[in-house]
C-alpha atoms as a PDB file:
ATOM      1  CA  MET A   1      -0.704  45.564   7.987  1.00  0.00           C
ATOM      2  CA  PRO A   2       2.323  43.652   6.269  1.00  0.00           C
ATOM      3  CA  GLN A   3       3.341  40.341   7.330  1.00  0.00           C
ATOM      4  CA  THR A   4       6.649  39.356   8.783  1.00  0.00           C
ATOM      5  CA  ASP A   5       8.468  36.766   7.729  1.00  0.00           C
ATOM      6  CA  HIS A   6       8.256  34.705  10.650  1.00  0.00           C
ATOM      7  CA  GLN A   7       4.159  35.322  10.327  1.00  0.00           C
ATOM      8  CA  MET A   8       4.990  34.318   6.666  1.00  0.00           C
ATOM      9  CA  LEU A   9       6.472  31.194   7.779  1.00  0.00           C
ATOM     10  CA  ARG A  10       4.551  30.087  10.397  1.00  0.00           C
ATOM     11  CA  ARG A  11       1.242  30.224   8.576  1.00  0.00           C
ATOM     12  CA  CYS A  12       3.151  28.393   5.512  1.00  0.00           C
ATOM     13  CA  LEU A  13       3.761  25.626   7.630  1.00  0.00           C
ATOM     14  CA  ALA A  14       0.426  25.694   9.269  1.00  0.00           C
ATOM     15  CA  ILE A  15      -1.093  25.107   5.659  1.00  0.00           C
ATOM     16  CA  LEU A  16       1.407  22.514   4.666  1.00  0.00           C
ATOM     17  CA  VAL A  17       0.781  20.758   8.367  1.00  0.00           C
ATOM     18  CA  VAL A  18      -3.246  20.813   7.508  1.00  0.00           C
ATOM     19  CA  VAL A  19      -2.378  19.546   3.972  1.00  0.00           C
ATOM     20  CA  MET A  20      -0.014  16.724   4.843  1.00  0.00           C
ATOM     21  CA  ALA A  21      -2.519  15.796   7.567  1.00  0.00           C
ATOM     22  CA  ALA A  22      -5.298  15.277   4.910  1.00  0.00           C
ATOM     23  CA  THR A  23      -3.615  13.755   2.202  1.00  0.00           C
ATOM     24  CA  THR A  24      -1.758  10.897   4.637  1.00  0.00           C
ATOM     25  CA  MET A  25      -4.934   9.548   6.324  1.00  0.00           C
ATOM     26  CA  PRO A  26      -6.248   6.158   5.351  1.00  0.00           C
ATOM     27  CA  ALA A  27      -8.424   5.951   2.374  1.00  0.00           C
ATOM     28  CA  SER A  28     -10.561   3.015   4.273  1.00  0.00           C
ATOM     29  CA  ALA A  29     -11.496   3.495   8.101  1.00  0.00           C
ATOM     30  CA  ASP A  30     -13.382   0.364   8.296  1.00  0.00           C
ATOM     31  CA  PRO A  31     -10.544  -2.180   9.915  1.00  0.00           C
ATOM     32  CA  ALA A  32     -13.758  -5.012   9.018  1.00  0.00           C
ATOM     33  CA  ALA A  33     -14.435  -4.198   5.393  1.00  0.00           C
ATOM     34  CA  ASP A  34     -10.252  -4.364   4.732  1.00  0.00           C
ATOM     35  CA  GLU A  35     -10.400  -7.880   6.892  1.00  0.00           C
ATOM     36  CA  ALA A  36     -13.284  -9.367   4.721  1.00  0.00           C
ATOM     37  CA  ALA A  37     -11.462  -7.991   1.100  1.00  0.00           C
ATOM     38  CA  ILE A  38      -7.974  -9.436   2.082  1.00  0.00           C
ATOM     39  CA  ARG A  39      -9.827 -12.943   3.068  1.00  0.00           C
ATOM     40  CA  GLN A  40     -12.063 -12.874  -0.182  1.00  0.00           C
ATOM     41  CA  ARG A  41      -8.669 -12.259  -2.316  1.00  0.00           C
ATOM     42  CA  LEU A  42      -6.969 -14.669  -0.694  1.00  0.00           C
ATOM     43  CA  GLN A  43      -9.552 -17.013  -1.037  1.00  0.00           C
ATOM     44  CA  ARG A  44      -9.385 -16.094  -5.044  1.00  0.00           C
ATOM     45  CA  TRP A  45      -5.684 -16.944  -5.045  1.00  0.00           C
ATOM     46  CA  VAL A  46      -5.981 -19.829  -3.318  1.00  0.00           C
ATOM     47  CA  ALA A  47      -8.655 -20.960  -6.096  1.00  0.00           C
ATOM     48  CA  ASP A  48      -6.385 -19.540  -8.703  1.00  0.00           C
ATOM     49  CA  PHE A  49      -3.540 -21.654  -7.780  1.00  0.00           C
ATOM     50  CA  ASN A  50      -5.557 -24.850  -7.401  1.00  0.00           C
ATOM     51  CA  ALA A  51      -6.975 -24.328 -11.022  1.00  0.00           C
ATOM     52  CA  ARG A  52      -3.405 -23.351 -12.145  1.00  0.00           C
ATOM     53  CA  ARG A  53      -4.737 -19.831 -13.213  1.00  0.00           C
ATOM     54  CA  LEU A  54      -1.139 -18.303 -13.512  1.00  0.00           C
ATOM     55  CA  ALA A  55      -2.615 -15.071 -14.245  1.00  0.00           C
ATOM     56  CA  GLY A  56      -4.913 -15.104 -10.834  1.00  0.00           C
ATOM     57  CA  VAL A  57      -2.000 -16.240  -9.067  1.00  0.00           C
ATOM     58  CA  CYS A  58       0.654 -13.604 -10.222  1.00  0.00           C
ATOM     59  CA  ASP A  59      -2.295 -10.971  -9.671  1.00  0.00           C
ATOM     60  CA  LEU A  60      -1.588 -10.921  -6.393  1.00  0.00           C
ATOM     61  CA  PHE A  61       1.836  -9.465  -6.298  1.00  0.00           C
ATOM     62  CA  ALA A  62       2.846  -6.083  -7.024  1.00  0.00           C
ATOM     63  CA  PRO A  63       3.847  -5.552 -11.140  1.00  0.00           C
ATOM     64  CA  ASP A  64       7.573  -4.591 -10.394  1.00  0.00           C
ATOM     65  CA  LEU A  65       8.001  -6.984  -7.800  1.00  0.00           C
ATOM     66  CA  ARG A  66      11.649  -8.705  -7.394  1.00  0.00           C
ATOM     67  CA  TYR A  67      12.613 -11.675  -6.151  1.00  0.00           C
ATOM     68  CA  SER A  68      15.158 -14.298  -5.286  1.00  0.00           C
ATOM     69  CA  ILE A  69      14.855 -18.141  -4.791  1.00  0.00           C
ATOM     70  CA  PRO A  70      18.034 -18.901  -2.913  1.00  0.00           C
ATOM     71  CA  VAL A  71      19.806 -22.209  -4.562  1.00  0.00           C
ATOM     72  CA  ALA A  72      19.884 -24.946  -1.986  1.00  0.00           C
ATOM     73  CA  ARG A  73      23.288 -26.620  -1.383  1.00  0.00           C
ATOM     74  CA  SER A  74      22.656 -30.234  -3.392  1.00  0.00           C
ATOM     75  CA  GLN A  75      22.011 -28.173  -6.115  1.00  0.00           C
ATOM     76  CA  ARG A  76      25.025 -26.601  -6.308  1.00  0.00           C
END
């Protein structure tokens, strides 16, 4: 039995919804483990900062980070 355009569209949309739902689920569903990993990384950052290890300090940030530091009025 041939499918109508409407049936084909509904089937494609259903497949799309399933694929999107499967690919947008978080990789980790353990909030406690996520929090522990974040805390551990921040502790390592503090240790790197205090030891003046620039590579470790900067490693926390994305490589393509864009930032600006406003100039204080007294420095203008």
